[in-house]
């Protein structure tokens, strides 16, 4: 179980990521607290880009930001038309096209039982 300091750091990182994505016109930003469900991250952040180019630009902004720690930066550059994932340690970011988001319904997958 994470201590209070780590939880505060992960909440700060979540806020930083959410603000950056919002500034770059990501839409329908949703966060899910998964601390009690999984050990690999504290939060999932799911948002939408309007096109493949927009999704790639959002990923690039996360990777370039000096305020955000990204694990395996080179692996985040693989291209998928509808969904890209960025591992920001305590926050895993899913940037999706609305069609992929509707199809995979990650929010339902991670909702409490």
PDB file of N, CA and C in Angstrom:
ATOM      1  N   UNK A   1       0.843  -1.185   0.000  1.00  0.00           N
ATOM      2  CA  UNK A   1       0.000   0.000   0.000  1.00  0.00           C
ATOM      3  C   UNK A   1       0.882   1.240   0.000  1.00  0.00           C
ATOM      4  N   UNK A   2       0.517   2.239  -0.777  1.00  0.00           N
ATOM      5  CA  UNK A   2       1.319   3.446  -0.895  1.00  0.00           C
ATOM      6  C   UNK A   2       1.095   4.339   0.308  1.00  0.00           C
ATOM      7  N   UNK A   3       2.150   5.093   0.640  1.00  0.00           N
ATOM      8  CA  UNK A   3       1.997   6.006   1.760  1.00  0.00           C
ATOM      9  C   UNK A   3       1.330   7.300   1.302  1.00  0.00           C
ATOM     10  N   UNK A   4       1.024   8.175   2.264  1.00  0.00           N
ATOM     11  CA  UNK A   4       0.292   9.406   1.974  1.00  0.00           C
ATOM     12  C   UNK A   4       1.081  10.309   1.027  1.00  0.00           C
ATOM     13  N   UNK A   5       2.397  10.411   1.214  1.00  0.00           N
ATOM     14  CA  UNK A   5       3.223  11.261   0.355  1.00  0.00           C
ATOM     15  C   UNK A   5       3.143  10.802  -1.101  1.00  0.00           C
ATOM     16  N   UNK A   6       3.255   9.509  -1.345  1.00  0.00           N
ATOM     17  CA  UNK A   6       3.157   8.992  -2.712  1.00  0.00           C
ATOM     18  C   UNK A   6       1.778   9.246  -3.309  1.00  0.00           C
ATOM     19  N   UNK A   7       0.741   9.119  -2.491  1.00  0.00           N
ATOM     20  CA  UNK A   7      -0.611   9.372  -2.977  1.00  0.00           C
ATOM     21  C   UNK A   7      -0.773  10.829  -3.374  1.00  0.00           C
ATOM     22  N   UNK A   8      -0.236  11.746  -2.572  1.00  0.00           N
ATOM     23  CA  UNK A   8      -0.296  13.165  -2.912  1.00  0.00           C
ATOM     24  C   UNK A   8       0.482  13.440  -4.189  1.00  0.00           C
ATOM     25  N   UNK A   9       1.643  12.813  -4.346  1.00  0.00           N
ATOM     26  CA  UNK A   9       2.426  12.988  -5.566  1.00  0.00           C
ATOM     27  C   UNK A   9       1.664  12.483  -6.783  1.00  0.00           C
ATOM     28  N   UNK A  10       1.005  11.345  -6.653  1.00  0.00           N
ATOM     29  CA  UNK A  10       0.268  10.809  -7.798  1.00  0.00           C
ATOM     30  C   UNK A  10      -0.940  11.686  -8.128  1.00  0.00           C
ATOM     31  N   UNK A  11      -1.582  12.274  -7.128  1.00  0.00           N
ATOM     32  CA  UNK A  11      -2.698  13.192  -7.386  1.00  0.00           C
ATOM     33  C   UNK A  11      -2.203  14.461  -8.070  1.00  0.00           C
ATOM     34  N   UNK A  12      -1.045  14.941  -7.661  1.00  0.00           N
ATOM     35  CA  UNK A  12      -0.451  16.116  -8.308  1.00  0.00           C
ATOM     36  C   UNK A  12      -0.106  15.797  -9.764  1.00  0.00           C
ATOM     37  N   UNK A  13       0.467  14.626 -10.004  1.00  0.00           N
ATOM     38  CA  UNK A  13       0.805  14.220 -11.370  1.00  0.00           C
ATOM     39  C   UNK A  13      -0.467  14.097 -12.213  1.00  0.00           C
ATOM     40  N   UNK A  14      -1.509  13.522 -11.645  1.00  0.00           N
ATOM     41  CA  UNK A  14      -2.788  13.399 -12.346  1.00  0.00           C
ATOM     42  C   UNK A  14      -3.308  14.778 -12.752  1.00  0.00           C
ATOM     43  N   UNK A  15      -3.254  15.718 -11.840  1.00  0.00           N
ATOM     44  CA  UNK A  15      -3.710  17.077 -12.124  1.00  0.00           C
ATOM     45  C   UNK A  15      -2.864  17.737 -13.209  1.00  0.00           C
ATOM     46  N   UNK A  16      -1.549  17.557 -13.137  1.00  0.00           N
ATOM     47  CA  UNK A  16      -0.640  18.125 -14.135  1.00  0.00           C
ATOM     48  C   UNK A  16      -0.942  17.560 -15.518  1.00  0.00           C
ATOM     49  N   UNK A  17      -1.113  16.252 -15.598  1.00  0.00           N
ATOM     50  CA  UNK A  17      -1.404  15.595 -16.877  1.00  0.00           C
ATOM     51  C   UNK A  17      -2.752  16.054 -17.417  1.00  0.00           C
ATOM     52  N   UNK A  18      -3.756  16.081 -16.568  1.00  0.00           N
ATOM     53  CA  UNK A  18      -5.091  16.490 -16.985  1.00  0.00           C
ATOM     54  C   UNK A  18      -5.084  17.920 -17.516  1.00  0.00           C
ATOM     55  N   UNK A  19      -4.389  18.813 -16.822  1.00  0.00           N
ATOM     56  CA  UNK A  19      -4.305  20.208 -17.258  1.00  0.00           C
ATOM     57  C   UNK A  19      -3.597  20.332 -18.599  1.00  0.00           C
ATOM     58  N   UNK A  20      -2.491  19.609 -18.767  1.00  0.00           N
ATOM     59  CA  UNK A  20      -1.751  19.668 -20.025  1.00  0.00           C
ATOM     60  C   UNK A  20      -2.619  19.176 -21.182  1.00  0.00           C
ATOM     61  N   UNK A  21      -3.293  18.059 -20.988  1.00  0.00           N
ATOM     62  CA  UNK A  21      -4.148  17.520 -22.046  1.00  0.00           C
ATOM     63  C   UNK A  21      -5.300  18.470 -22.368  1.00  0.00           C
ATOM     64  N   UNK A  22      -5.872  19.076 -21.350  1.00  0.00           N
ATOM     65  CA  UNK A  22      -6.951  20.036 -21.556  1.00  0.00           C
ATOM     66  C   UNK A  22      -6.462  21.247 -22.351  1.00  0.00           C
ATOM     67  N   UNK A  23      -5.273  21.739 -22.027  1.00  0.00           N
ATOM     68  CA  UNK A  23      -4.689  22.878 -22.746  1.00  0.00           C
ATOM     69  C   UNK A  23      -4.482  22.565 -24.226  1.00  0.00           C
ATOM     70  N   UNK A  24      -4.300  21.292 -24.544  1.00  0.00           N
ATOM     71  CA  UNK A  24      -4.067  20.885 -25.930  1.00  0.00           C
ATOM     72  C   UNK A  24      -5.315  20.249 -26.556  1.00  0.00           C
ATOM     73  N   UNK A  25      -6.469  20.598 -25.993  1.00  0.00           N
ATOM     74  CA  UNK A  25      -7.777  20.295 -26.576  1.00  0.00           C
ATOM     75  C   UNK A  25      -8.173  18.821 -26.572  1.00  0.00           C
ATOM     76  N   UNK A  26      -7.657  18.057 -25.618  1.00  0.00           N
ATOM     77  CA  UNK A  26      -8.202  16.709 -25.408  1.00  0.00           C
ATOM     78  C   UNK A  26      -9.636  16.879 -24.910  1.00  0.00           C
ATOM     79  N   UNK A  27     -10.490  15.949 -25.260  1.00  0.00           N
ATOM     80  CA  UNK A  27     -11.890  16.082 -24.860  1.00  0.00           C
ATOM     81  C   UNK A  27     -12.330  14.882 -24.024  1.00  0.00           C
ATOM     82  N   UNK A  28     -13.396  15.124 -23.258  1.00  0.00           N
ATOM     83  CA  UNK A  28     -13.992  14.080 -22.406  1.00  0.00           C
ATOM     84  C   UNK A  28     -12.955  13.409 -21.508  1.00  0.00           C
ATOM     85  N   UNK A  29     -12.218  14.231 -20.767  1.00  0.00           N
ATOM     86  CA  UNK A  29     -11.185  13.710 -19.867  1.00  0.00           C
ATOM     87  C   UNK A  29     -11.862  13.101 -18.642  1.00  0.00           C
ATOM     88  N   UNK A  30     -11.534  11.843 -18.383  1.00  0.00           N
ATOM     89  CA  UNK A  30     -12.090  11.103 -17.251  1.00  0.00           C
ATOM     90  C   UNK A  30     -10.945  10.466 -16.474  1.00  0.00           C
ATOM     91  N   UNK A  31     -11.046  10.497 -15.156  1.00  0.00           N
ATOM     92  CA  UNK A  31     -10.037   9.820 -14.339  1.00  0.00           C
ATOM     93  C   UNK A  31     -10.706   8.731 -13.513  1.00  0.00           C
ATOM     94  N   UNK A  32      -9.966   7.657 -13.315  1.00  0.00           N
ATOM     95  CA  UNK A  32     -10.457   6.529 -12.528  1.00  0.00           C
ATOM     96  C   UNK A  32      -9.393   6.179 -11.496  1.00  0.00           C
ATOM     97  N   UNK A  33      -9.777   6.168 -10.237  1.00  0.00           N
ATOM     98  CA  UNK A  33      -8.880   5.786  -9.152  1.00  0.00           C
ATOM     99  C   UNK A  33      -8.847   4.260  -9.091  1.00  0.00           C
ATOM    100  N   UNK A  34      -7.671   3.691  -9.352  1.00  0.00           N
ATOM    101  CA  UNK A  34      -7.539   2.227  -9.364  1.00  0.00           C
ATOM    102  C   UNK A  34      -6.556   1.727  -8.297  1.00  0.00           C
ATOM    103  N   UNK A  35      -6.259   2.585  -7.315  1.00  0.00           N
ATOM    104  CA  UNK A  35      -5.296   2.207  -6.262  1.00  0.00           C
ATOM    105  C   UNK A  35      -5.693   0.921  -5.546  1.00  0.00           C
ATOM    106  N   UNK A  36      -6.982   0.755  -5.302  1.00  0.00           N
ATOM    107  CA  UNK A  36      -7.448  -0.421  -4.565  1.00  0.00           C
ATOM    108  C   UNK A  36      -7.603  -1.651  -5.457  1.00  0.00           C
ATOM    109  N   UNK A  37      -7.533  -1.443  -6.771  1.00  0.00           N
ATOM    110  CA  UNK A  37      -7.791  -2.511  -7.727  1.00  0.00           C
ATOM    111  C   UNK A  37      -6.527  -3.137  -8.290  1.00  0.00           C
ATOM    112  N   UNK A  38      -5.490  -2.321  -8.468  1.00  0.00           N
ATOM    113  CA  UNK A  38      -4.280  -2.792  -9.136  1.00  0.00           C
ATOM    114  C   UNK A  38      -3.033  -2.224  -8.474  1.00  0.00           C
ATOM    115  N   UNK A  39      -1.923  -2.890  -8.656  1.00  0.00           N
ATOM    116  CA  UNK A  39      -0.671  -2.434  -8.047  1.00  0.00           C
ATOM    117  C   UNK A  39       0.233  -1.696  -9.029  1.00  0.00           C
ATOM    118  N   UNK A  40      -0.107  -1.674 -10.321  1.00  0.00           N
ATOM    119  CA  UNK A  40       0.818  -1.083 -11.286  1.00  0.00           C
ATOM    120  C   UNK A  40       0.626   0.413 -11.494  1.00  0.00           C
ATOM    121  N   UNK A  41      -0.469   0.980 -11.007  1.00  0.00           N
ATOM    122  CA  UNK A  41      -0.696   2.416 -11.138  1.00  0.00           C
ATOM    123  C   UNK A  41      -1.738   2.850 -10.121  1.00  0.00           C
ATOM    124  N   UNK A  42      -1.829   4.157  -9.894  1.00  0.00           N
ATOM    125  CA  UNK A  42      -2.841   4.701  -8.989  1.00  0.00           C
ATOM    126  C   UNK A  42      -4.086   5.177  -9.732  1.00  0.00           C
ATOM    127  N   UNK A  43      -3.860   5.750 -10.917  1.00  0.00           N
ATOM    128  CA  UNK A  43      -4.963   6.337 -11.668  1.00  0.00           C
ATOM    129  C   UNK A  43      -4.894   5.957 -13.136  1.00  0.00           C
ATOM    130  N   UNK A  44      -6.060   5.853 -13.742  1.00  0.00           N
ATOM    131  CA  UNK A  44      -6.199   5.773 -15.190  1.00  0.00           C
ATOM    132  C   UNK A  44      -6.800   7.106 -15.613  1.00  0.00           C
ATOM    133  N   UNK A  45      -6.257   7.678 -16.658  1.00  0.00           N
ATOM    134  CA  UNK A  45      -6.849   8.866 -17.251  1.00  0.00           C
ATOM    135  C   UNK A  45      -7.208   8.499 -18.685  1.00  0.00           C
ATOM    136  N   UNK A  46      -8.440   8.731 -19.043  1.00  0.00           N
ATOM    137  CA  UNK A  46      -8.925   8.405 -20.383  1.00  0.00           C
ATOM    138  C   UNK A  46      -9.421   9.699 -21.016  1.00  0.00           C
ATOM    139  N   UNK A  47      -8.984   9.947 -22.239  1.00  0.00           N
ATOM    140  CA  UNK A  47      -9.457  11.125 -22.953  1.00  0.00           C
ATOM    141  C   UNK A  47      -9.530  10.820 -24.436  1.00  0.00           C
ATOM    142  N   UNK A  48     -10.063  11.773 -25.178  1.00  0.00           N
ATOM    143  CA  UNK A  48     -10.223  11.593 -26.616  1.00  0.00           C
ATOM    144  C   UNK A  48      -9.452  12.651 -27.385  1.00  0.00           C
ATOM    145  N   UNK A  49      -8.892  12.202 -28.503  1.00  0.00           N
ATOM    146  CA  UNK A  49      -8.372  13.100 -29.516  1.00  0.00           C
ATOM    147  C   UNK A  49      -9.320  13.039 -30.694  1.00  0.00           C
ATOM    148  N   UNK A  50      -9.322  14.079 -31.503  1.00  0.00           N
ATOM    149  CA  UNK A  50     -10.292  14.169 -32.587  1.00  0.00           C
ATOM    150  C   UNK A  50      -9.861  13.444 -33.856  1.00  0.00           C
ATOM    151  N   UNK A  51      -8.578  13.098 -33.943  1.00  0.00           N
ATOM    152  CA  UNK A  51      -8.044  12.420 -35.131  1.00  0.00           C
ATOM    153  C   UNK A  51      -6.755  11.711 -34.736  1.00  0.00           C
ATOM    154  N   UNK A  52      -6.227  10.894 -35.637  1.00  0.00           N
ATOM    155  CA  UNK A  52      -4.952  10.232 -35.348  1.00  0.00           C
ATOM    156  C   UNK A  52      -3.863  11.264 -35.102  1.00  0.00           C
ATOM    157  N   UNK A  53      -3.833  12.297 -35.916  1.00  0.00           N
ATOM    158  CA  UNK A  53      -2.818  13.347 -35.754  1.00  0.00           C
ATOM    159  C   UNK A  53      -2.952  14.034 -34.392  1.00  0.00           C
ATOM    160  N   UNK A  54      -4.178  14.317 -33.967  1.00  0.00           N
ATOM    161  CA  UNK A  54      -4.402  14.946 -32.667  1.00  0.00           C
ATOM    162  C   UNK A  54      -3.971  14.014 -31.529  1.00  0.00           C
ATOM    163  N   UNK A  55      -4.295  12.734 -31.644  1.00  0.00           N
ATOM    164  CA  UNK A  55      -3.886  11.753 -30.632  1.00  0.00           C
ATOM    165  C   UNK A  55      -2.363  11.712 -30.526  1.00  0.00           C
ATOM    166  N   UNK A  56      -1.679  11.664 -31.657  1.00  0.00           N
ATOM    167  CA  UNK A  56      -0.212  11.649 -31.665  1.00  0.00           C
ATOM    168  C   UNK A  56       0.351  12.931 -31.064  1.00  0.00           C
ATOM    169  N   UNK A  57      -0.269  14.072 -31.356  1.00  0.00           N
ATOM    170  CA  UNK A  57       0.193  15.349 -30.806  1.00  0.00           C
ATOM    171  C   UNK A  57       0.032  15.377 -29.288  1.00  0.00           C
ATOM    172  N   UNK A  58      -1.059  14.837 -28.779  1.00  0.00           N
ATOM    173  CA  UNK A  58      -1.257  14.778 -27.328  1.00  0.00           C
ATOM    174  C   UNK A  58      -0.194  13.903 -26.669  1.00  0.00           C
ATOM    175  N   UNK A  59       0.109  12.768 -27.278  1.00  0.00           N
ATOM    176  CA  UNK A  59       1.170  11.893 -26.759  1.00  0.00           C
ATOM    177  C   UNK A  59       2.498  12.639 -26.760  1.00  0.00           C
ATOM    178  N   UNK A  60       2.804  13.327 -27.848  1.00  0.00           N
ATOM    179  CA  UNK A  60       4.057  14.088 -27.932  1.00  0.00           C
ATOM    180  C   UNK A  60       4.149  15.139 -26.836  1.00  0.00           C
ATOM    181  N   UNK A  61       3.048  15.817 -26.548  1.00  0.00           N
ATOM    182  CA  UNK A  61       3.057  16.835 -25.491  1.00  0.00           C
ATOM    183  C   UNK A  61       3.357  16.209 -24.128  1.00  0.00           C
ATOM    184  N   UNK A  62       2.787  15.052 -23.852  1.00  0.00           N
ATOM    185  CA  UNK A  62       3.082  14.368 -22.588  1.00  0.00           C
ATOM    186  C   UNK A  62       4.561  14.004 -22.500  1.00  0.00           C
ATOM    187  N   UNK A  63       5.091  13.453 -23.587  1.00  0.00           N
ATOM    188  CA  UNK A  63       6.484  13.007 -23.599  1.00  0.00           C
ATOM    189  C   UNK A  63       7.441  14.188 -23.465  1.00  0.00           C
ATOM    190  N   UNK A  64       7.117  15.311 -24.095  1.00  0.00           N
ATOM    191  CA  UNK A  64       8.001  16.484 -24.078  1.00  0.00           C
ATOM    192  C   UNK A  64       7.981  17.239 -22.754  1.00  0.00           C
ATOM    193  N   UNK A  65       6.921  17.113 -21.992  1.00  0.00           N
ATOM    194  CA  UNK A  65       6.767  17.921 -20.788  1.00  0.00           C
ATOM    195  C   UNK A  65       7.818  17.578 -19.735  1.00  0.00           C
ATOM    196  N   UNK A  66       8.536  18.596 -19.238  1.00  0.00           N
ATOM    197  CA  UNK A  66       9.513  18.347 -18.176  1.00  0.00           C
ATOM    198  C   UNK A  66       8.851  18.065 -16.823  1.00  0.00           C
ATOM    199  N   UNK A  67       7.563  18.302 -16.719  1.00  0.00           N
ATOM    200  CA  UNK A  67       6.842  18.104 -15.461  1.00  0.00           C
ATOM    201  C   UNK A  67       6.287  16.694 -15.301  1.00  0.00           C
ATOM    202  N   UNK A  68       6.352  15.913 -16.371  1.00  0.00           N
ATOM    203  CA  UNK A  68       5.721  14.593 -16.372  1.00  0.00           C
ATOM    204  C   UNK A  68       6.766  13.516 -16.625  1.00  0.00           C
ATOM    205  N   UNK A  69       6.783  12.506 -15.769  1.00  0.00           N
ATOM    206  CA  UNK A  69       7.681  11.372 -15.946  1.00  0.00           C
ATOM    207  C   UNK A  69       6.979  10.320 -16.791  1.00  0.00           C
ATOM    208  N   UNK A  70       7.609   9.972 -17.911  1.00  0.00           N
ATOM    209  CA  UNK A  70       7.049   8.966 -18.811  1.00  0.00           C
ATOM    210  C   UNK A  70       7.997   7.781 -18.857  1.00  0.00           C
ATOM    211  N   UNK A  71       7.457   6.600 -18.619  1.00  0.00           N
ATOM    212  CA  UNK A  71       8.248   5.374 -18.694  1.00  0.00           C
ATOM    213  C   UNK A  71       8.306   4.916 -20.151  1.00  0.00           C
ATOM    214  N   UNK A  72       9.498   4.497 -20.588  1.00  0.00           N
ATOM    215  CA  UNK A  72       9.682   3.936 -21.939  1.00  0.00           C
ATOM    216  C   UNK A  72       9.177   4.867 -23.035  1.00  0.00           C
ATOM    217  N   UNK A  73       9.762   6.059 -23.095  1.00  0.00           N
ATOM    218  CA  UNK A  73       9.313   7.065 -24.064  1.00  0.00           C
ATOM    219  C   UNK A  73       9.312   6.553 -25.495  1.00  0.00           C
ATOM    220  N   UNK A  74      10.293   5.783 -25.875  1.00  0.00           N
ATOM    221  CA  UNK A  74      10.362   5.330 -27.268  1.00  0.00           C
ATOM    222  C   UNK A  74       9.239   4.348 -27.597  1.00  0.00           C
ATOM    223  N   UNK A  75       8.808   3.561 -26.629  1.00  0.00           N
ATOM    224  CA  UNK A  75       7.744   2.586 -26.882  1.00  0.00           C
ATOM    225  C   UNK A  75       6.384   3.248 -27.027  1.00  0.00           C
ATOM    226  N   UNK A  76       6.246   4.472 -26.526  1.00  0.00           N
ATOM    227  CA  UNK A  76       4.972   5.170 -26.634  1.00  0.00           C
ATOM    228  C   UNK A  76       4.737   5.733 -28.027  1.00  0.00           C
ATOM    229  N   UNK A  77       5.731   5.663 -28.883  1.00  0.00           N
ATOM    230  CA  UNK A  77       5.624   6.251 -30.209  1.00  0.00           C
ATOM    231  C   UNK A  77       5.017   5.308 -31.237  1.00  0.00           C
ATOM    232  N   UNK A  78       4.736   4.065 -30.866  1.00  0.00           N
ATOM    233  CA  UNK A  78       4.131   3.160 -31.844  1.00  0.00           C
ATOM    234  C   UNK A  78       2.753   3.699 -32.227  1.00  0.00           C
ATOM    235  N   UNK A  79       2.421   3.515 -33.446  1.00  0.00           N
ATOM    236  CA  UNK A  79       1.219   4.146 -33.977  1.00  0.00           C
ATOM    237  C   UNK A  79       0.046   3.159 -34.031  1.00  0.00           C
ATOM    238  N   UNK A  80      -1.070   3.598 -33.530  1.00  0.00           N
ATOM    239  CA  UNK A  80      -2.337   2.895 -33.673  1.00  0.00           C
ATOM    240  C   UNK A  80      -3.345   3.974 -34.033  1.00  0.00           C
ATOM    241  N   UNK A  81      -4.150   3.720 -34.995  1.00  0.00           N
ATOM    242  CA  UNK A  81      -5.062   4.752 -35.485  1.00  0.00           C
ATOM    243  C   UNK A  81      -6.009   5.295 -34.424  1.00  0.00           C
ATOM    244  N   UNK A  82      -6.408   4.457 -33.485  1.00  0.00           N
ATOM    245  CA  UNK A  82      -7.501   4.835 -32.605  1.00  0.00           C
ATOM    246  C   UNK A  82      -7.179   4.911 -31.115  1.00  0.00           C
ATOM    247  N   UNK A  83      -6.002   4.436 -30.679  1.00  0.00           N
ATOM    248  CA  UNK A  83      -5.757   4.353 -29.236  1.00  0.00           C
ATOM    249  C   UNK A  83      -4.260   4.319 -28.974  1.00  0.00           C
ATOM    250  N   UNK A  84      -3.793   5.223 -28.123  1.00  0.00           N
ATOM    251  CA  UNK A  84      -2.394   5.207 -27.691  1.00  0.00           C
ATOM    252  C   UNK A  84      -2.371   5.286 -26.169  1.00  0.00           C
ATOM    253  N   UNK A  85      -1.396   4.611 -25.570  1.00  0.00           N
ATOM    254  CA  UNK A  85      -1.264   4.563 -24.119  1.00  0.00           C
ATOM    255  C   UNK A  85       0.088   5.136 -23.734  1.00  0.00           C
ATOM    256  N   UNK A  86       0.084   5.984 -22.691  1.00  0.00           N
ATOM    257  CA  UNK A  86       1.321   6.546 -22.164  1.00  0.00           C
ATOM    258  C   UNK A  86       1.392   6.185 -20.688  1.00  0.00           C
ATOM    259  N   UNK A  87       2.466   5.520 -20.294  1.00  0.00           N
ATOM    260  CA  UNK A  87       2.676   5.116 -18.903  1.00  0.00           C
ATOM    261  C   UNK A  87       3.438   6.221 -18.189  1.00  0.00           C
ATOM    262  N   UNK A  88       2.736   6.958 -17.357  1.00  0.00           N
ATOM    263  CA  UNK A  88       3.331   8.043 -16.572  1.00  0.00           C
ATOM    264  C   UNK A  88       3.481   7.600 -15.113  1.00  0.00           C
ATOM    265  N   UNK A  89       3.919   6.384 -14.923  1.00  0.00           N
ATOM    266  CA  UNK A  89       4.151   5.764 -13.622  1.00  0.00           C
ATOM    267  C   UNK A  89       2.863   5.633 -12.823  1.00  0.00           C
ATOM    268  N   UNK A  90       2.534   6.600 -11.993  1.00  0.00           N
ATOM    269  CA  UNK A  90       1.344   6.496 -11.152  1.00  0.00           C
ATOM    270  C   UNK A  90       0.051   6.838 -11.884  1.00  0.00           C
ATOM    271  N   UNK A  91       0.185   7.260 -13.133  1.00  0.00           N
ATOM    272  CA  UNK A  91      -0.982   7.567 -13.968  1.00  0.00           C
ATOM    273  C   UNK A  91      -0.766   6.920 -15.334  1.00  0.00           C
ATOM    274  N   UNK A  92      -1.683   6.062 -15.740  1.00  0.00           N
ATOM    275  CA  UNK A  92      -1.637   5.490 -17.087  1.00  0.00           C
ATOM    276  C   UNK A  92      -2.664   6.249 -17.920  1.00  0.00           C
ATOM    277  N   UNK A  93      -2.187   6.837 -19.021  1.00  0.00           N
ATOM    278  CA  UNK A  93      -3.018   7.702 -19.852  1.00  0.00           C
ATOM    279  C   UNK A  93      -3.427   6.958 -21.122  1.00  0.00           C
ATOM    280  N   UNK A  94      -4.719   6.901 -21.364  1.00  0.00           N
ATOM    281  CA  UNK A  94      -5.274   6.301 -22.578  1.00  0.00           C
ATOM    282  C   UNK A  94      -5.837   7.447 -23.418  1.00  0.00           C
ATOM    283  N   UNK A  95      -5.248   7.658 -24.593  1.00  0.00           N
ATOM    284  CA  UNK A  95      -5.732   8.691 -25.506  1.00  0.00           C
ATOM    285  C   UNK A  95      -6.360   7.961 -26.684  1.00  0.00           C
ATOM    286  N   UNK A  96      -7.655   8.164 -26.847  1.00  0.00           N
ATOM    287  CA  UNK A  96      -8.421   7.340 -27.780  1.00  0.00           C
ATOM    288  C   UNK A  96      -9.248   8.202 -28.725  1.00  0.00           C
ATOM    289  N   UNK A  97      -9.537   7.645 -29.876  1.00  0.00           N
ATOM    290  CA  UNK A  97     -10.545   8.225 -30.754  1.00  0.00           C
ATOM    291  C   UNK A  97     -11.903   7.846 -30.157  1.00  0.00           C
ATOM    292  N   UNK A  98     -12.908   8.673 -30.368  1.00  0.00           N
ATOM    293  CA  UNK A  98     -14.218   8.393 -29.749  1.00  0.00           C
ATOM    294  C   UNK A  98     -14.775   7.026 -30.144  1.00  0.00           C
ATOM    295  N   UNK A  99     -14.489   6.569 -31.361  1.00  0.00           N
ATOM    296  CA  UNK A  99     -14.980   5.250 -31.783  1.00  0.00           C
ATOM    297  C   UNK A  99     -14.344   4.124 -30.967  1.00  0.00           C
ATOM    298  N   UNK A 100     -13.043   4.229 -30.725  1.00  0.00           N
ATOM    299  CA  UNK A 100     -12.348   3.220 -29.911  1.00  0.00           C
ATOM    300  C   UNK A 100     -12.834   3.279 -28.469  1.00  0.00           C
ATOM    301  N   UNK A 101     -13.030   4.485 -27.971  1.00  0.00           N
ATOM    302  CA  UNK A 101     -13.497   4.621 -26.593  1.00  0.00           C
ATOM    303  C   UNK A 101     -14.874   3.989 -26.428  1.00  0.00           C
ATOM    304  N   UNK A 102     -15.733   4.223 -27.375  1.00  0.00           N
ATOM    305  CA  UNK A 102     -17.068   3.625 -27.326  1.00  0.00           C
ATOM    306  C   UNK A 102     -16.987   2.095 -27.429  1.00  0.00           C
ATOM    307  N   UNK A 103     -16.115   1.602 -28.287  1.00  0.00           N
ATOM    308  CA  UNK A 103     -15.987   0.156 -28.498  1.00  0.00           C
ATOM    309  C   UNK A 103     -15.427  -0.558 -27.264  1.00  0.00           C
ATOM    310  N   UNK A 104     -14.331  -0.026 -26.693  1.00  0.00           N
ATOM    311  CA  UNK A 104     -13.653  -0.729 -25.594  1.00  0.00           C
ATOM    312  C   UNK A 104     -14.246  -0.431 -24.223  1.00  0.00           C
ATOM    313  N   UNK A 105     -14.874   0.701 -24.041  1.00  0.00           N
ATOM    314  CA  UNK A 105     -15.557   1.059 -22.798  1.00  0.00           C
ATOM    315  C   UNK A 105     -14.706   0.799 -21.549  1.00  0.00           C
ATOM    316  N   UNK A 106     -13.520   1.400 -21.524  1.00  0.00           N
ATOM    317  CA  UNK A 106     -12.605   1.195 -20.395  1.00  0.00           C
ATOM    318  C   UNK A 106     -13.215   1.613 -19.063  1.00  0.00           C
ATOM    319  N   UNK A 107     -14.037   2.650 -19.074  1.00  0.00           N
ATOM    320  CA  UNK A 107     -14.653   3.085 -17.819  1.00  0.00           C
ATOM    321  C   UNK A 107     -15.482   1.962 -17.204  1.00  0.00           C
ATOM    322  N   UNK A 108     -16.203   1.227 -18.017  1.00  0.00           N
ATOM    323  CA  UNK A 108     -17.002   0.108 -17.496  1.00  0.00           C
ATOM    324  C   UNK A 108     -16.110  -1.029 -17.008  1.00  0.00           C
ATOM    325  N   UNK A 109     -15.013  -1.247 -17.702  1.00  0.00           N
ATOM    326  CA  UNK A 109     -14.077  -2.301 -17.312  1.00  0.00           C
ATOM    327  C   UNK A 109     -13.510  -2.053 -15.918  1.00  0.00           C
ATOM    328  N   UNK A 110     -13.233  -0.783 -15.602  1.00  0.00           N
ATOM    329  CA  UNK A 110     -12.586  -0.449 -14.337  1.00  0.00           C
ATOM    330  C   UNK A 110     -13.551   0.028 -13.257  1.00  0.00           C
ATOM    331  N   UNK A 111     -14.860   0.050 -13.526  1.00  0.00           N
ATOM    332  CA  UNK A 111     -15.782   0.503 -12.491  1.00  0.00           C
ATOM    333  C   UNK A 111     -15.866  -0.538 -11.375  1.00  0.00           C
ATOM    334  N   UNK A 112     -16.152  -0.078 -10.154  1.00  0.00           N
ATOM    335  CA  UNK A 112     -16.235  -1.017  -9.022  1.00  0.00           C
ATOM    336  C   UNK A 112     -17.321  -2.064  -9.240  1.00  0.00           C
ATOM    337  N   UNK A 113     -17.058  -3.241  -8.713  1.00  0.00           N
ATOM    338  CA  UNK A 113     -18.020  -4.350  -8.835  1.00  0.00           C
ATOM    339  C   UNK A 113     -19.108  -4.210  -7.794  1.00  0.00           C
TER     340      UNK A 113
END
